[in-house]
Amino acid sequence: MAIKAIIQSITYDPQKDMLYLAVHPDRPSVTRGNRHDVLVMYDEADRQTLVGIEVMDFAAHLVPLLYKPGVVPDLPERFTVVGADIENADLRTVFEWCYHRYVLPLLKMGVAA
């Protein structure tokens, strides 16, 4: 059975090319990462509860490899994004949406590299 997670807020920093998805902001957390700089944070007291996801080098590194096996963590959560038309989505779909919502407009304006 899939675990439902509601992404409360999304932050993208174009200067650092860093994406942050907040599920339970302001909770103490422990972090697990992969070699593609996708950091998954879980509640410090309850290590089954997702707190957030941070991606370093989001547009430059992760997006070009989005469909390569093992790049996007295979999480049990299905995501809904507050204020967006995303419900019951996998993490890859959320990353795609973030790229179209946050990065592409900056590229069109010449702000992001």
Protein backbone atom coordinates (compact mmCIF):
# COMPACT_ATOMS: atom_id res chain seq x y z
CA MET A 1 0.00 0.00 0.00
CA ALA A 2 1.33 3.43 -0.96
CA ILE A 3 1.95 6.01 1.73
CA LYS A 4 0.40 9.40 1.05
CA ALA A 5 2.65 12.42 1.48
CA ILE A 6 1.57 16.01 1.08
CA ILE A 7 4.27 18.38 -0.11
CA GLN A 8 3.53 21.56 1.83
CA SER A 9 6.01 23.79 -0.01
CA ILE A 10 8.60 23.71 -2.75
CA THR A 11 11.66 25.92 -2.91
CA TYR A 12 14.03 26.19 -5.85
CA ASP A 13 17.24 28.22 -5.57
CA PRO A 14 18.52 28.88 -9.13
CA GLN A 15 21.92 30.16 -7.96
CA LYS A 16 22.62 26.92 -6.10
CA ASP A 17 20.45 24.80 -8.44
CA MET A 18 18.89 23.28 -5.33
CA LEU A 19 15.34 21.97 -5.00
CA TYR A 20 13.67 21.37 -1.64
CA LEU A 21 10.34 19.61 -1.14
CA ALA A 22 8.94 20.12 2.37
CA VAL A 23 6.52 17.48 3.65
CA HIS A 24 6.83 18.11 7.41
CA PRO A 25 8.89 21.29 7.75
CA ASP A 26 10.71 22.12 10.96
CA ARG A 27 10.96 18.56 12.26
CA PRO A 28 14.33 17.23 13.38
CA SER A 29 15.45 14.75 10.75
CA VAL A 30 17.99 12.22 9.65
CA THR A 31 19.13 12.17 6.05
CA ARG A 32 19.74 9.39 3.57
CA GLY A 33 21.34 10.26 0.26
CA ASN A 34 22.28 8.64 -2.98
CA ARG A 35 25.18 9.21 -5.35
CA HIS A 36 23.03 11.59 -7.41
CA ASP A 37 22.72 14.06 -4.52
CA VAL A 38 19.08 13.30 -3.76
CA LEU A 39 18.77 13.65 0.01
CA VAL A 40 15.71 12.10 1.63
CA MET A 41 15.00 13.27 5.17
CA TYR A 42 13.02 11.27 7.68
CA ASP A 43 11.71 12.22 11.10
CA GLU A 44 14.40 11.72 13.72
CA ALA A 45 11.99 10.00 16.14
CA ASP A 46 9.97 8.08 13.55
CA ARG A 47 12.24 7.08 10.71
CA GLN A 48 9.30 5.98 8.57
CA THR A 49 7.85 9.51 8.32
CA LEU A 50 9.16 11.53 5.40
CA VAL A 51 10.12 15.10 6.34
CA GLY A 52 11.47 16.41 3.05
CA ILE A 53 13.59 15.86 -0.03
CA GLU A 54 16.50 18.02 -1.14
CA VAL A 55 18.18 17.77 -4.52
CA MET A 56 21.51 19.41 -5.21
CA ASP A 57 22.33 20.19 -8.85
CA PHE A 58 18.69 19.64 -9.74
CA ALA A 59 18.59 21.01 -13.30
CA ALA A 60 22.22 20.42 -14.21
CA HIS A 61 22.60 16.86 -12.94
CA LEU A 62 19.35 15.19 -11.90
CA VAL A 63 16.98 16.24 -14.67
CA PRO A 64 19.14 14.90 -17.56
CA LEU A 65 19.29 11.54 -15.72
CA LEU A 66 15.66 11.47 -14.61
CA TYR A 67 14.80 8.28 -16.51
CA LYS A 68 18.01 6.42 -15.79
CA PRO A 69 17.42 3.53 -13.34
CA GLY A 70 18.55 4.18 -9.77
CA VAL A 71 18.71 7.97 -10.05
CA VAL A 72 15.34 8.84 -8.50
CA PRO A 73 14.90 7.07 -5.16
CA ASP A 74 12.17 4.44 -5.22
CA LEU A 75 10.05 5.68 -2.30
CA PRO A 76 6.79 4.11 -1.09
CA GLU A 77 5.17 7.56 -0.89
CA ARG A 78 2.69 8.92 -3.42
CA PHE A 79 2.74 12.71 -3.47
CA THR A 80 0.20 15.47 -3.53
CA VAL A 81 1.51 19.01 -3.98
CA VAL A 82 -0.39 21.76 -2.14
CA GLY A 83 -1.52 24.43 -4.59
CA ALA A 84 -0.79 22.35 -7.69
CA ASP A 85 -2.70 19.88 -9.80
CA ILE A 86 -0.55 16.98 -8.65
CA GLU A 87 -2.16 14.18 -6.68
CA ASN A 88 -1.04 10.62 -6.02
CA ALA A 89 2.13 11.09 -8.08
CA ASP A 90 5.44 9.29 -7.88
CA LEU A 91 8.62 11.24 -7.10
CA ARG A 92 9.78 11.31 -10.75
CA THR A 93 6.53 13.01 -11.75
CA VAL A 94 6.98 15.59 -8.99
CA PHE A 95 10.54 16.28 -10.19
CA GLU A 96 9.30 16.71 -13.77
CA TRP A 97 6.63 19.14 -12.62
CA CYS A 98 9.20 21.10 -10.59
CA TYR A 99 11.47 21.38 -13.61
CA HIS A 100 8.64 22.74 -15.76
CA ARG A 101 7.35 25.05 -13.02
CA TYR A 102 10.61 26.43 -11.61
CA VAL A 103 13.51 25.87 -14.02
CA LEU A 104 12.11 26.25 -17.54
CA PRO A 105 10.71 29.76 -16.95
CA LEU A 106 14.14 30.86 -15.71
CA LEU A 107 15.84 29.34 -18.73
CA LYS A 108 13.46 31.20 -21.01
CA MET A 109 14.35 34.45 -19.23
CA GLY A 110 18.07 33.63 -19.36
CA VAL A 111 18.36 33.52 -15.55
CA ALA A 112 19.35 29.85 -15.09
CA ALA A 113 22.17 28.05 -16.79
